Amino acid sequence: MQGLRVVLIAVWAALAVGQGVRHWAQTEKETIWRGRYKNCDYGYTVILPEGVVAHNGLPPSPNHGFLVSARDPGTTAQVTWAEPRLISVYNSYDAAEAGSARAYLNQSRDKNEEVVETKDLTFKGLPAAYGHYRVKQGTGQVEKVKLVLYRKGARELSNILYEVSLATSAEYYSQDSVLYEKIRNGFKVLPPPKGECSND
């Protein structure tokens, strides 16, 4: 009986310590995340694959998601929108009042993007729209994938848009899609915050 008690106390202590783990750190130019990205203000978290580092801005910049280099997913060097092989998770309120995931997907499409496939679906319990586009660039082409999720606000909360995207060269599309799908599948909806919340 005494041995079981010791084991239970050890398990409880490990869980308590695990819950207090901070998954982010600030560098000189950005905030980087390992293991998990959390955005309590917009009500979601993303479980990151092992070895993947997510990048976003430093405070006081708004926390609107993160970027991952598909070329070098574990890099701690700064990652920007100029990265040629990029996975991004973006969140915003529906300020333009798109009203649905499909409407937002259509509004955000560039005119030079050739439609490969689009479809409506439900993802993690939310209405969603998927788009795969192709853009000619010089002698090659860029493959773009977007999954948009639409979360209707409850009570006084605003409607929220989540966008999980991949932009990469056709040459690396199959390879980068594997990482994109792992990050996309790590997306989880959290309850809306009540008052102040923590991203730890």
N, C-alpha and C. Protein backbone atom coordinates (compact mmCIF):
# COMPACT_ATOMS: atom_id res chain seq x y z
N MET A 1 0.83 -1.20 0.00
CA MET A 1 0.00 0.00 0.00
C MET A 1 0.87 1.26 0.00
N GLN A 2 1.93 1.22 0.84
CA GLN A 2 2.84 2.36 0.91
C GLN A 2 3.49 2.64 -0.45
N GLY A 3 3.87 1.54 -1.18
CA GLY A 3 4.50 1.68 -2.50
C GLY A 3 3.56 2.33 -3.50
N LEU A 4 2.27 1.96 -3.48
CA LEU A 4 1.27 2.54 -4.38
C LEU A 4 1.11 4.03 -4.10
N ARG A 5 1.13 4.38 -2.82
CA ARG A 5 1.00 5.78 -2.43
C ARG A 5 2.17 6.62 -2.97
N VAL A 6 3.37 6.09 -2.87
CA VAL A 6 4.56 6.78 -3.37
C VAL A 6 4.46 6.97 -4.88
N VAL A 7 4.02 5.92 -5.59
CA VAL A 7 3.87 6.01 -7.05
C VAL A 7 2.85 7.07 -7.43
N LEU A 8 1.70 7.09 -6.76
CA LEU A 8 0.65 8.08 -7.05
C LEU A 8 1.13 9.50 -6.80
N ILE A 9 1.88 9.70 -5.72
CA ILE A 9 2.42 11.03 -5.43
C ILE A 9 3.41 11.45 -6.51
N ALA A 10 4.25 10.52 -6.96
CA ALA A 10 5.23 10.82 -8.01
C ALA A 10 4.53 11.18 -9.32
N VAL A 11 3.47 10.45 -9.67
CA VAL A 11 2.71 10.74 -10.90
C VAL A 11 2.06 12.11 -10.80
N TRP A 12 1.43 12.40 -9.66
CA TRP A 12 0.80 13.71 -9.47
C TRP A 12 1.82 14.84 -9.59
N ALA A 13 2.99 14.66 -9.00
CA ALA A 13 4.04 15.69 -9.05
C ALA A 13 4.51 15.90 -10.48
N ALA A 14 4.66 14.80 -11.23
CA ALA A 14 5.11 14.91 -12.62
C ALA A 14 4.08 15.66 -13.45
N LEU A 15 2.79 15.36 -13.22
CA LEU A 15 1.74 16.06 -13.96
C LEU A 15 1.70 17.54 -13.60
N ALA A 16 1.86 17.84 -12.33
CA ALA A 16 1.84 19.25 -11.90
C ALA A 16 2.99 20.02 -12.51
N VAL A 17 4.17 19.40 -12.53
CA VAL A 17 5.33 20.06 -13.13
C VAL A 17 5.12 20.23 -14.63
N GLY A 18 4.55 19.18 -15.29
CA GLY A 18 4.32 19.23 -16.73
C GLY A 18 3.37 20.35 -17.12
N GLN A 19 2.37 20.61 -16.28
CA GLN A 19 1.41 21.66 -16.59
C GLN A 19 2.04 23.04 -16.48
N GLY A 20 3.12 23.16 -15.73
CA GLY A 20 3.76 24.45 -15.55
C GLY A 20 4.87 24.73 -16.56
N VAL A 21 5.07 23.82 -17.50
CA VAL A 21 6.14 24.00 -18.49
C VAL A 21 5.81 25.16 -19.41
N ARG A 22 6.79 26.01 -19.62
CA ARG A 22 6.61 27.13 -20.54
C ARG A 22 7.13 26.68 -21.91
N HIS A 23 6.28 26.80 -22.93
CA HIS A 23 6.61 26.30 -24.26
C HIS A 23 7.19 27.37 -25.18
N TRP A 24 7.40 28.55 -24.67
CA TRP A 24 7.89 29.64 -25.52
C TRP A 24 9.07 30.34 -24.86
N ALA A 25 9.86 31.00 -25.73
CA ALA A 25 10.99 31.81 -25.26
C ALA A 25 11.14 32.98 -26.21
N GLN A 26 11.65 34.07 -25.69
CA GLN A 26 11.86 35.25 -26.53
C GLN A 26 13.33 35.33 -26.95
N THR A 27 13.53 35.56 -28.24
CA THR A 27 14.86 35.82 -28.76
C THR A 27 14.96 37.33 -28.97
N GLU A 28 16.04 37.76 -29.57
CA GLU A 28 16.21 39.20 -29.82
C GLU A 28 15.16 39.74 -30.78
N LYS A 29 14.69 38.89 -31.73
CA LYS A 29 13.80 39.37 -32.79
C LYS A 29 12.40 38.78 -32.77
N GLU A 30 12.17 37.71 -32.02
CA GLU A 30 10.86 37.06 -32.10
C GLU A 30 10.62 36.17 -30.88
N THR A 31 9.42 35.59 -30.85
CA THR A 31 9.08 34.58 -29.85
C THR A 31 9.08 33.23 -30.55
N ILE A 32 9.71 32.24 -29.95
CA ILE A 32 9.71 30.90 -30.54
C ILE A 32 9.01 29.92 -29.60
N TRP A 33 8.36 28.93 -30.20
CA TRP A 33 7.57 27.96 -29.46
C TRP A 33 8.06 26.55 -29.80
N ARG A 34 8.09 25.68 -28.80
CA ARG A 34 8.43 24.27 -29.00
C ARG A 34 7.39 23.42 -28.28
N GLY A 35 7.03 22.30 -28.89
CA GLY A 35 6.10 21.36 -28.26
C GLY A 35 4.65 21.74 -28.43
N ARG A 36 4.34 23.01 -28.17
CA ARG A 36 2.95 23.46 -28.27
C ARG A 36 2.91 24.97 -28.43
N TYR A 37 2.02 25.43 -29.32
CA TYR A 37 1.72 26.86 -29.42
C TYR A 37 0.32 27.04 -28.83
N LYS A 38 0.15 28.07 -28.01
CA LYS A 38 -1.16 28.33 -27.43
C LYS A 38 -1.52 29.79 -27.60
N ASN A 39 -2.77 30.02 -28.00
CA ASN A 39 -3.28 31.38 -28.11
C ASN A 39 -4.62 31.41 -27.38
N CYS A 40 -4.55 31.74 -26.09
CA CYS A 40 -5.76 31.67 -25.27
C CYS A 40 -6.77 32.75 -25.64
N ASP A 41 -6.29 33.90 -26.13
CA ASP A 41 -7.21 34.99 -26.49
C ASP A 41 -8.12 34.59 -27.65
N TYR A 42 -7.59 33.82 -28.60
CA TYR A 42 -8.37 33.39 -29.76
C TYR A 42 -8.86 31.95 -29.62
N GLY A 43 -8.61 31.33 -28.47
CA GLY A 43 -9.21 30.04 -28.17
C GLY A 43 -8.71 28.85 -28.95
N TYR A 44 -7.39 28.70 -29.07
CA TYR A 44 -6.88 27.49 -29.72
C TYR A 44 -5.44 27.21 -29.31
N THR A 45 -5.03 25.98 -29.59
CA THR A 45 -3.66 25.57 -29.37
C THR A 45 -3.26 24.67 -30.53
N VAL A 46 -1.97 24.55 -30.78
CA VAL A 46 -1.46 23.65 -31.82
C VAL A 46 -0.34 22.81 -31.21
N ILE A 47 -0.52 21.50 -31.21
CA ILE A 47 0.55 20.60 -30.77
C ILE A 47 1.55 20.51 -31.90
N LEU A 48 2.80 20.89 -31.64
CA LEU A 48 3.83 20.92 -32.67
C LEU A 48 4.56 19.58 -32.73
N PRO A 49 4.86 19.09 -33.94
CA PRO A 49 5.63 17.85 -34.05
C PRO A 49 6.99 18.00 -33.37
N GLU A 50 7.54 16.89 -32.94
CA GLU A 50 8.83 16.91 -32.27
C GLU A 50 9.90 17.55 -33.16
N GLY A 51 10.66 18.46 -32.58
CA GLY A 51 11.75 19.12 -33.30
C GLY A 51 11.34 20.35 -34.09
N VAL A 52 10.03 20.62 -34.20
CA VAL A 52 9.54 21.78 -34.96
C VAL A 52 9.51 23.01 -34.06
N VAL A 53 9.99 24.14 -34.61
CA VAL A 53 9.98 25.41 -33.88
C VAL A 53 9.04 26.37 -34.60
N ALA A 54 8.09 26.93 -33.87
CA ALA A 54 7.15 27.92 -34.41
C ALA A 54 7.64 29.31 -34.04
N HIS A 55 7.41 30.27 -34.93
CA HIS A 55 7.93 31.63 -34.77
C HIS A 55 6.80 32.65 -34.86
N ASN A 56 6.79 33.61 -33.93
CA ASN A 56 5.91 34.77 -34.09
C ASN A 56 6.58 35.99 -33.48
N GLY A 57 5.91 37.14 -33.56
CA GLY A 57 6.53 38.40 -33.16
C GLY A 57 6.71 38.54 -31.66
N LEU A 58 7.42 39.59 -31.31
CA LEU A 58 7.63 39.92 -29.90
C LEU A 58 6.51 40.83 -29.41
N PRO A 59 6.16 40.76 -28.15
CA PRO A 59 5.24 41.76 -27.59
C PRO A 59 5.86 43.15 -27.76
N PRO A 60 5.12 44.20 -27.98
CA PRO A 60 3.65 44.24 -27.87
C PRO A 60 2.92 43.93 -29.17
N SER A 61 3.59 43.36 -30.17
CA SER A 61 2.89 42.99 -31.41
C SER A 61 1.76 42.01 -31.08
N PRO A 62 0.64 42.13 -31.80
CA PRO A 62 -0.48 41.22 -31.55
C PRO A 62 -0.08 39.76 -31.81
N ASN A 63 -0.67 38.86 -31.06
CA ASN A 63 -0.40 37.43 -31.21
C ASN A 63 -1.41 36.84 -32.20
N HIS A 64 -1.03 36.78 -33.47
CA HIS A 64 -1.94 36.32 -34.52
C HIS A 64 -1.49 35.02 -35.16
N GLY A 65 -0.83 34.15 -34.41
CA GLY A 65 -0.43 32.88 -34.96
C GLY A 65 1.08 32.76 -35.10
N PHE A 66 1.52 31.87 -36.01
CA PHE A 66 2.95 31.60 -36.11
C PHE A 66 3.34 31.13 -37.50
N LEU A 67 4.66 31.11 -37.72
CA LEU A 67 5.26 30.64 -38.97
C LEU A 67 6.21 29.49 -38.66
N VAL A 68 6.31 28.55 -39.61
CA VAL A 68 7.28 27.45 -39.52
C VAL A 68 7.99 27.36 -40.87
N SER A 69 9.30 27.27 -40.86
CA SER A 69 10.05 27.04 -42.09
C SER A 69 9.92 25.58 -42.47
N ALA A 70 9.29 25.30 -43.62
CA ALA A 70 9.20 23.91 -44.08
C ALA A 70 10.57 23.41 -44.55
N ARG A 71 11.42 24.32 -44.96
CA ARG A 71 12.77 23.98 -45.41
C ARG A 71 13.64 23.54 -44.24
N ASP A 72 13.49 24.22 -43.08
CA ASP A 72 14.29 23.93 -41.90
C ASP A 72 13.40 24.07 -40.66
N PRO A 73 12.53 23.08 -40.41
CA PRO A 73 11.51 23.21 -39.35
C PRO A 73 12.05 23.43 -37.95
N GLY A 74 13.29 23.03 -37.69
CA GLY A 74 13.85 23.16 -36.35
C GLY A 74 14.68 24.41 -36.14
N THR A 75 14.72 25.29 -37.13
CA THR A 75 15.58 26.48 -37.01
C THR A 75 15.09 27.41 -35.91
N THR A 76 16.05 28.00 -35.20
CA THR A 76 15.72 29.04 -34.22
C THR A 76 16.10 30.41 -34.76
N ALA A 77 16.64 30.46 -36.00
CA ALA A 77 16.89 31.74 -36.66
C ALA A 77 15.53 32.34 -37.06
N GLN A 78 15.47 33.63 -37.22
CA GLN A 78 14.21 34.29 -37.51
C GLN A 78 13.59 33.76 -38.80
N VAL A 79 12.28 33.52 -38.76
CA VAL A 79 11.50 33.09 -39.94
C VAL A 79 10.51 34.20 -40.26
N THR A 80 10.45 34.59 -41.54
CA THR A 80 9.56 35.67 -41.97
C THR A 80 8.67 35.19 -43.11
N TRP A 81 7.75 36.05 -43.53
CA TRP A 81 6.85 35.73 -44.64
C TRP A 81 7.61 35.57 -45.95
N ALA A 82 8.87 35.99 -46.00
CA ALA A 82 9.67 35.87 -47.22
C ALA A 82 10.22 34.44 -47.41
N GLU A 83 10.07 33.60 -46.40
CA GLU A 83 10.54 32.20 -46.48
C GLU A 83 9.88 31.52 -47.69
N PRO A 84 10.66 30.91 -48.60
CA PRO A 84 10.08 30.32 -49.81
C PRO A 84 9.25 29.05 -49.57
N ARG A 85 9.52 28.34 -48.50
CA ARG A 85 8.75 27.15 -48.14
C ARG A 85 8.22 27.37 -46.72
N LEU A 86 6.94 27.75 -46.64
CA LEU A 86 6.41 28.29 -45.39
C LEU A 86 5.09 27.64 -45.00
N ILE A 87 4.99 27.29 -43.72
CA ILE A 87 3.73 26.86 -43.13
C ILE A 87 3.33 27.95 -42.14
N SER A 88 2.08 28.36 -42.19
CA SER A 88 1.62 29.42 -41.28
C SER A 88 0.29 29.04 -40.66
N VAL A 89 0.12 29.47 -39.42
CA VAL A 89 -1.17 29.39 -38.74
C VAL A 89 -1.50 30.82 -38.34
N TYR A 90 -2.65 31.29 -38.79
CA TYR A 90 -3.02 32.69 -38.60
C TYR A 90 -4.42 32.77 -38.00
N ASN A 91 -4.64 33.72 -37.13
CA ASN A 91 -5.96 33.93 -36.54
C ASN A 91 -6.31 35.41 -36.54
N SER A 92 -7.59 35.67 -36.72
CA SER A 92 -8.06 37.07 -36.66
C SER A 92 -9.56 37.07 -36.39
N TYR A 93 -10.06 38.20 -35.97
CA TYR A 93 -11.51 38.36 -35.89
C TYR A 93 -12.02 38.60 -37.30
N ASP A 94 -13.27 38.28 -37.54
CA ASP A 94 -13.87 38.47 -38.87
C ASP A 94 -14.27 39.93 -39.04
N ALA A 95 -13.26 40.80 -39.08
CA ALA A 95 -13.51 42.24 -39.16
C ALA A 95 -14.18 42.63 -40.47
N ALA A 96 -13.87 41.91 -41.56
CA ALA A 96 -14.47 42.21 -42.87
C ALA A 96 -15.85 41.58 -43.02
N GLU A 97 -16.30 40.89 -41.98
CA GLU A 97 -17.62 40.25 -41.96
C GLU A 97 -17.83 39.33 -43.15
N ALA A 98 -16.85 38.45 -43.35
CA ALA A 98 -16.97 37.45 -44.42
C ALA A 98 -18.18 36.55 -44.14
N GLY A 99 -18.36 36.17 -42.88
CA GLY A 99 -19.55 35.42 -42.50
C GLY A 99 -19.42 33.91 -42.60
N SER A 100 -18.38 33.42 -43.28
CA SER A 100 -18.18 31.97 -43.40
C SER A 100 -16.75 31.68 -43.83
N ALA A 101 -16.33 30.44 -43.62
CA ALA A 101 -14.99 30.03 -44.04
C ALA A 101 -14.85 30.11 -45.55
N ARG A 102 -15.87 29.68 -46.29
CA ARG A 102 -15.82 29.71 -47.75
C ARG A 102 -15.71 31.13 -48.28
N ALA A 103 -16.49 32.05 -47.72
CA ALA A 103 -16.44 33.45 -48.17
C ALA A 103 -15.06 34.04 -47.93
N TYR A 104 -14.47 33.76 -46.77
CA TYR A 104 -13.13 34.26 -46.48
C TYR A 104 -12.10 33.66 -47.42
N LEU A 105 -12.20 32.36 -47.68
CA LEU A 105 -11.28 31.69 -48.60
C LEU A 105 -11.34 32.35 -49.97
N ASN A 106 -12.55 32.63 -50.45
CA ASN A 106 -12.71 33.28 -51.76
C ASN A 106 -12.14 34.70 -51.76
N GLN A 107 -12.39 35.43 -50.68
CA GLN A 107 -11.91 36.82 -50.59
C GLN A 107 -10.38 36.89 -50.53
N SER A 108 -9.75 35.90 -49.90
CA SER A 108 -8.31 35.96 -49.69
C SER A 108 -7.51 35.40 -50.88
N ARG A 109 -8.19 34.86 -51.88
CA ARG A 109 -7.50 34.28 -53.04
C ARG A 109 -6.98 35.38 -53.95
N ASP A 110 -5.70 35.26 -54.34
CA ASP A 110 -5.12 36.19 -55.31
C ASP A 110 -5.62 35.84 -56.71
N LYS A 111 -5.72 36.85 -57.57
CA LYS A 111 -6.25 36.64 -58.93
C LYS A 111 -5.35 35.74 -59.76
N ASN A 112 -4.05 35.72 -59.45
CA ASN A 112 -3.12 34.90 -60.25
C ASN A 112 -3.05 33.45 -59.79
N GLU A 113 -3.86 33.09 -58.79
CA GLU A 113 -3.85 31.72 -58.27
C GLU A 113 -4.82 30.84 -59.07
N GLU A 114 -4.29 29.80 -59.68
CA GLU A 114 -5.11 28.83 -60.41
C GLU A 114 -5.70 27.85 -59.40
N VAL A 115 -7.00 27.62 -59.48
CA VAL A 115 -7.67 26.72 -58.54
C VAL A 115 -7.39 25.27 -58.95
N VAL A 116 -6.81 24.51 -58.03
CA VAL A 116 -6.61 23.08 -58.23
C VAL A 116 -7.78 22.31 -57.62
N GLU A 117 -8.18 22.72 -56.41
CA GLU A 117 -9.29 22.07 -55.71
C GLU A 117 -9.79 22.97 -54.60
N THR A 118 -11.10 22.99 -54.41
CA THR A 118 -11.69 23.63 -53.23
C THR A 118 -12.83 22.74 -52.73
N LYS A 119 -13.06 22.79 -51.43
CA LYS A 119 -14.18 22.03 -50.87
C LYS A 119 -14.54 22.58 -49.50
N ASP A 120 -15.79 22.38 -49.12
CA ASP A 120 -16.27 22.73 -47.80
C ASP A 120 -16.24 21.47 -46.94
N LEU A 121 -15.94 21.63 -45.66
CA LEU A 121 -15.87 20.50 -44.77
C LEU A 121 -16.03 20.97 -43.33
N THR A 122 -16.02 20.01 -42.41
CA THR A 122 -15.99 20.31 -40.98
C THR A 122 -14.65 19.81 -40.46
N PHE A 123 -13.96 20.66 -39.70
CA PHE A 123 -12.65 20.28 -39.17
C PHE A 123 -12.60 20.62 -37.70
N LYS A 124 -12.31 19.63 -36.87
CA LYS A 124 -12.25 19.80 -35.41
C LYS A 124 -13.53 20.44 -34.88
N GLY A 125 -14.66 20.06 -35.51
CA GLY A 125 -15.97 20.55 -35.06
C GLY A 125 -16.36 21.91 -35.59
N LEU A 126 -15.53 22.54 -36.40
CA LEU A 126 -15.83 23.88 -36.93
C LEU A 126 -16.09 23.81 -38.43
N PRO A 127 -17.00 24.66 -38.95
CA PRO A 127 -17.17 24.74 -40.40
C PRO A 127 -15.88 25.25 -41.03
N ALA A 128 -15.49 24.64 -42.14
CA ALA A 128 -14.19 24.95 -42.75
C ALA A 128 -14.28 24.92 -44.26
N ALA A 129 -13.29 25.52 -44.89
CA ALA A 129 -13.16 25.50 -46.35
C ALA A 129 -11.69 25.25 -46.68
N TYR A 130 -11.47 24.38 -47.67
CA TYR A 130 -10.12 24.01 -48.09
C TYR A 130 -9.90 24.47 -49.51
N GLY A 131 -8.71 25.01 -49.75
CA GLY A 131 -8.34 25.41 -51.11
C GLY A 131 -6.92 25.01 -51.43
N HIS A 132 -6.73 24.47 -52.65
CA HIS A 132 -5.38 24.18 -53.16
C HIS A 132 -5.24 24.98 -54.43
N TYR A 133 -4.20 25.81 -54.48
CA TYR A 133 -4.00 26.74 -55.60
C TYR A 133 -2.59 26.58 -56.17
N ARG A 134 -2.42 27.02 -57.39
CA ARG A 134 -1.12 26.94 -58.06
C ARG A 134 -0.82 28.30 -58.69
N VAL A 135 0.41 28.75 -58.51
CA VAL A 135 0.83 30.05 -59.05
C VAL A 135 2.10 29.85 -59.87
N LYS A 136 2.10 30.34 -61.09
CA LYS A 136 3.32 30.27 -61.90
C LYS A 136 4.29 31.32 -61.41
N GLN A 137 5.56 30.91 -61.28
CA GLN A 137 6.60 31.82 -60.79
C GLN A 137 7.88 31.54 -61.58
N GLY A 138 8.19 32.44 -62.49
CA GLY A 138 9.35 32.22 -63.36
C GLY A 138 9.14 30.98 -64.20
N THR A 139 10.10 30.05 -64.16
CA THR A 139 9.97 28.81 -64.91
C THR A 139 9.32 27.71 -64.09
N GLY A 140 9.05 27.97 -62.81
CA GLY A 140 8.45 26.97 -61.94
C GLY A 140 7.07 27.37 -61.49
N GLN A 141 6.60 26.72 -60.41
CA GLN A 141 5.30 27.07 -59.85
C GLN A 141 5.30 26.87 -58.34
N VAL A 142 4.43 27.63 -57.69
CA VAL A 142 4.26 27.56 -56.24
C VAL A 142 2.93 26.90 -55.94
N GLU A 143 2.95 25.94 -55.04
CA GLU A 143 1.73 25.28 -54.58
C GLU A 143 1.30 25.94 -53.28
N LYS A 144 0.02 26.31 -53.20
CA LYS A 144 -0.52 26.93 -51.99
C LYS A 144 -1.72 26.14 -51.51
N VAL A 145 -1.73 25.85 -50.22
CA VAL A 145 -2.84 25.15 -49.59
C VAL A 145 -3.33 26.00 -48.43
N LYS A 146 -4.66 26.15 -48.33
CA LYS A 146 -5.24 26.91 -47.22
C LYS A 146 -6.41 26.14 -46.64
N LEU A 147 -6.42 26.01 -45.32
CA LEU A 147 -7.59 25.50 -44.61
C LEU A 147 -8.07 26.63 -43.71
N VAL A 148 -9.30 27.09 -43.96
CA VAL A 148 -9.88 28.18 -43.18
C VAL A 148 -10.99 27.61 -42.30
N LEU A 149 -10.95 27.94 -41.01
CA LEU A 149 -11.99 27.52 -40.07
C LEU A 149 -12.71 28.76 -39.57
N TYR A 150 -14.02 28.62 -39.37
CA TYR A 150 -14.84 29.76 -38.93
C TYR A 150 -15.50 29.42 -37.60
N ARG A 151 -15.24 30.28 -36.61
CA ARG A 151 -15.80 30.05 -35.27
C ARG A 151 -16.72 31.19 -34.91
N LYS A 152 -18.00 30.88 -34.78
CA LYS A 152 -18.97 31.91 -34.44
C LYS A 152 -18.82 32.28 -32.97
N GLY A 153 -18.87 33.58 -32.72
CA GLY A 153 -18.72 34.07 -31.35
C GLY A 153 -19.94 33.76 -30.51
N ALA A 154 -19.69 33.47 -29.27
CA ALA A 154 -20.78 33.25 -28.31
C ALA A 154 -20.99 34.52 -27.51
N ARG A 155 -22.23 34.83 -27.27
CA ARG A 155 -22.60 36.02 -26.52
C ARG A 155 -21.94 37.28 -27.11
N GLU A 156 -21.10 37.95 -26.34
CA GLU A 156 -20.51 39.22 -26.82
C GLU A 156 -19.20 39.01 -27.59
N LEU A 157 -18.76 37.76 -27.75
CA LEU A 157 -17.50 37.49 -28.43
C LEU A 157 -17.66 37.61 -29.95
N SER A 158 -16.59 38.05 -30.61
CA SER A 158 -16.62 38.21 -32.07
C SER A 158 -16.37 36.88 -32.76
N ASN A 159 -16.76 36.81 -34.03
CA ASN A 159 -16.47 35.64 -34.85
C ASN A 159 -14.97 35.60 -35.14
N ILE A 160 -14.41 34.39 -35.17
CA ILE A 160 -12.97 34.22 -35.34
C ILE A 160 -12.69 33.38 -36.57
N LEU A 161 -11.64 33.76 -37.31
CA LEU A 161 -11.14 32.99 -38.45
C LEU A 161 -9.79 32.40 -38.09
N TYR A 162 -9.61 31.13 -38.42
CA TYR A 162 -8.31 30.47 -38.30
C TYR A 162 -7.90 30.03 -39.70
N GLU A 163 -6.64 30.24 -40.06
CA GLU A 163 -6.15 29.82 -41.37
C GLU A 163 -4.84 29.04 -41.19
N VAL A 164 -4.82 27.81 -41.68
CA VAL A 164 -3.62 26.97 -41.65
C VAL A 164 -3.18 26.81 -43.11
N SER A 165 -1.98 27.32 -43.44
CA SER A 165 -1.57 27.42 -44.84
C SER A 165 -0.18 26.84 -45.10
N LEU A 166 0.01 26.45 -46.34
CA LEU A 166 1.31 26.01 -46.84
C LEU A 166 1.57 26.70 -48.16
N ALA A 167 2.76 27.23 -48.33
CA ALA A 167 3.20 27.77 -49.62
C ALA A 167 4.60 27.22 -49.88
N THR A 168 4.75 26.50 -50.99
CA THR A 168 6.03 25.86 -51.28
C THR A 168 6.17 25.63 -52.78
N SER A 169 7.37 25.33 -53.22
CA SER A 169 7.59 25.04 -54.63
C SER A 169 7.02 23.67 -54.97
N ALA A 170 6.66 23.49 -56.24
CA ALA A 170 6.11 22.21 -56.69
C ALA A 170 7.08 21.08 -56.40
N GLU A 171 8.36 21.37 -56.48
CA GLU A 171 9.40 20.37 -56.25
C GLU A 171 9.33 19.77 -54.85
N TYR A 172 8.96 20.58 -53.85
CA TYR A 172 8.95 20.12 -52.46
C TYR A 172 7.53 19.93 -51.91
N TYR A 173 6.54 20.02 -52.77
CA TYR A 173 5.15 19.99 -52.29
C TYR A 173 4.83 18.70 -51.53
N SER A 174 5.17 17.53 -52.08
CA SER A 174 4.86 16.26 -51.41
C SER A 174 5.53 16.18 -50.05
N GLN A 175 6.79 16.56 -49.99
CA GLN A 175 7.55 16.51 -48.73
C GLN A 175 6.98 17.47 -47.70
N ASP A 176 6.73 18.71 -48.11
CA ASP A 176 6.27 19.73 -47.17
C ASP A 176 4.82 19.50 -46.73
N SER A 177 4.04 18.81 -47.58
CA SER A 177 2.65 18.51 -47.23
C SER A 177 2.56 17.60 -46.01
N VAL A 178 3.54 16.72 -45.84
CA VAL A 178 3.54 15.81 -44.69
C VAL A 178 3.65 16.61 -43.39
N LEU A 179 4.57 17.56 -43.34
CA LEU A 179 4.73 18.41 -42.16
C LEU A 179 3.51 19.29 -41.96
N TYR A 180 3.00 19.85 -43.06
CA TYR A 180 1.80 20.70 -42.99
C TYR A 180 0.63 19.93 -42.35
N GLU A 181 0.43 18.69 -42.78
CA GLU A 181 -0.69 17.91 -42.24
C GLU A 181 -0.49 17.59 -40.76
N LYS A 182 0.74 17.35 -40.34
CA LYS A 182 1.00 17.10 -38.91
C LYS A 182 0.66 18.35 -38.08
N ILE A 183 1.07 19.51 -38.56
CA ILE A 183 0.78 20.76 -37.84
C ILE A 183 -0.72 21.03 -37.85
N ARG A 184 -1.34 20.88 -39.02
CA ARG A 184 -2.79 21.09 -39.13
C ARG A 184 -3.54 20.16 -38.19
N ASN A 185 -3.15 18.90 -38.13
CA ASN A 185 -3.85 17.93 -37.28
C ASN A 185 -3.60 18.17 -35.80
N GLY A 186 -2.56 18.96 -35.47
CA GLY A 186 -2.30 19.31 -34.08
C GLY A 186 -3.16 20.47 -33.58
N PHE A 187 -3.95 21.08 -34.46
CA PHE A 187 -4.83 22.20 -34.10
C PHE A 187 -5.94 21.71 -33.19
N LYS A 188 -6.16 22.42 -32.08
CA LYS A 188 -7.23 22.08 -31.14
C LYS A 188 -7.93 23.35 -30.69
N VAL A 189 -9.25 23.29 -30.65
CA VAL A 189 -10.06 24.42 -30.20
C VAL A 189 -10.11 24.41 -28.68
N LEU A 190 -9.94 25.59 -28.08
CA LEU A 190 -10.06 25.75 -26.63
C LEU A 190 -11.31 26.55 -26.30
N PRO A 191 -11.81 26.42 -25.09
CA PRO A 191 -12.95 27.25 -24.69
C PRO A 191 -12.56 28.73 -24.74
N PRO A 192 -13.51 29.61 -25.08
CA PRO A 192 -13.18 31.04 -25.08
C PRO A 192 -12.77 31.50 -23.68
N PRO A 193 -11.82 32.43 -23.59
CA PRO A 193 -11.35 32.87 -22.27
C PRO A 193 -12.40 33.69 -21.54
N LYS A 194 -12.32 33.62 -20.22
CA LYS A 194 -13.16 34.48 -19.38
C LYS A 194 -12.20 35.38 -18.62
N GLY A 195 -12.05 36.60 -19.07
CA GLY A 195 -11.08 37.50 -18.45
C GLY A 195 -9.69 37.22 -18.97
N GLU A 196 -8.68 37.55 -18.16
CA GLU A 196 -7.28 37.35 -18.58
C GLU A 196 -6.96 35.87 -18.63
N CYS A 197 -6.04 35.53 -19.56
CA CYS A 197 -5.65 34.12 -19.68
C CYS A 197 -4.14 34.05 -19.93
N SER A 198 -3.58 32.84 -19.85
CA SER A 198 -2.14 32.65 -20.01
C SER A 198 -1.86 31.70 -21.14
N ASN A 199 -0.80 31.97 -21.91
CA ASN A 199 -0.39 31.09 -23.00
C ASN A 199 0.66 30.07 -22.57
N ASP A 200 0.99 30.03 -21.28
CA ASP A 200 1.95 29.04 -20.79
C ASP A 200 1.33 27.65 -20.83
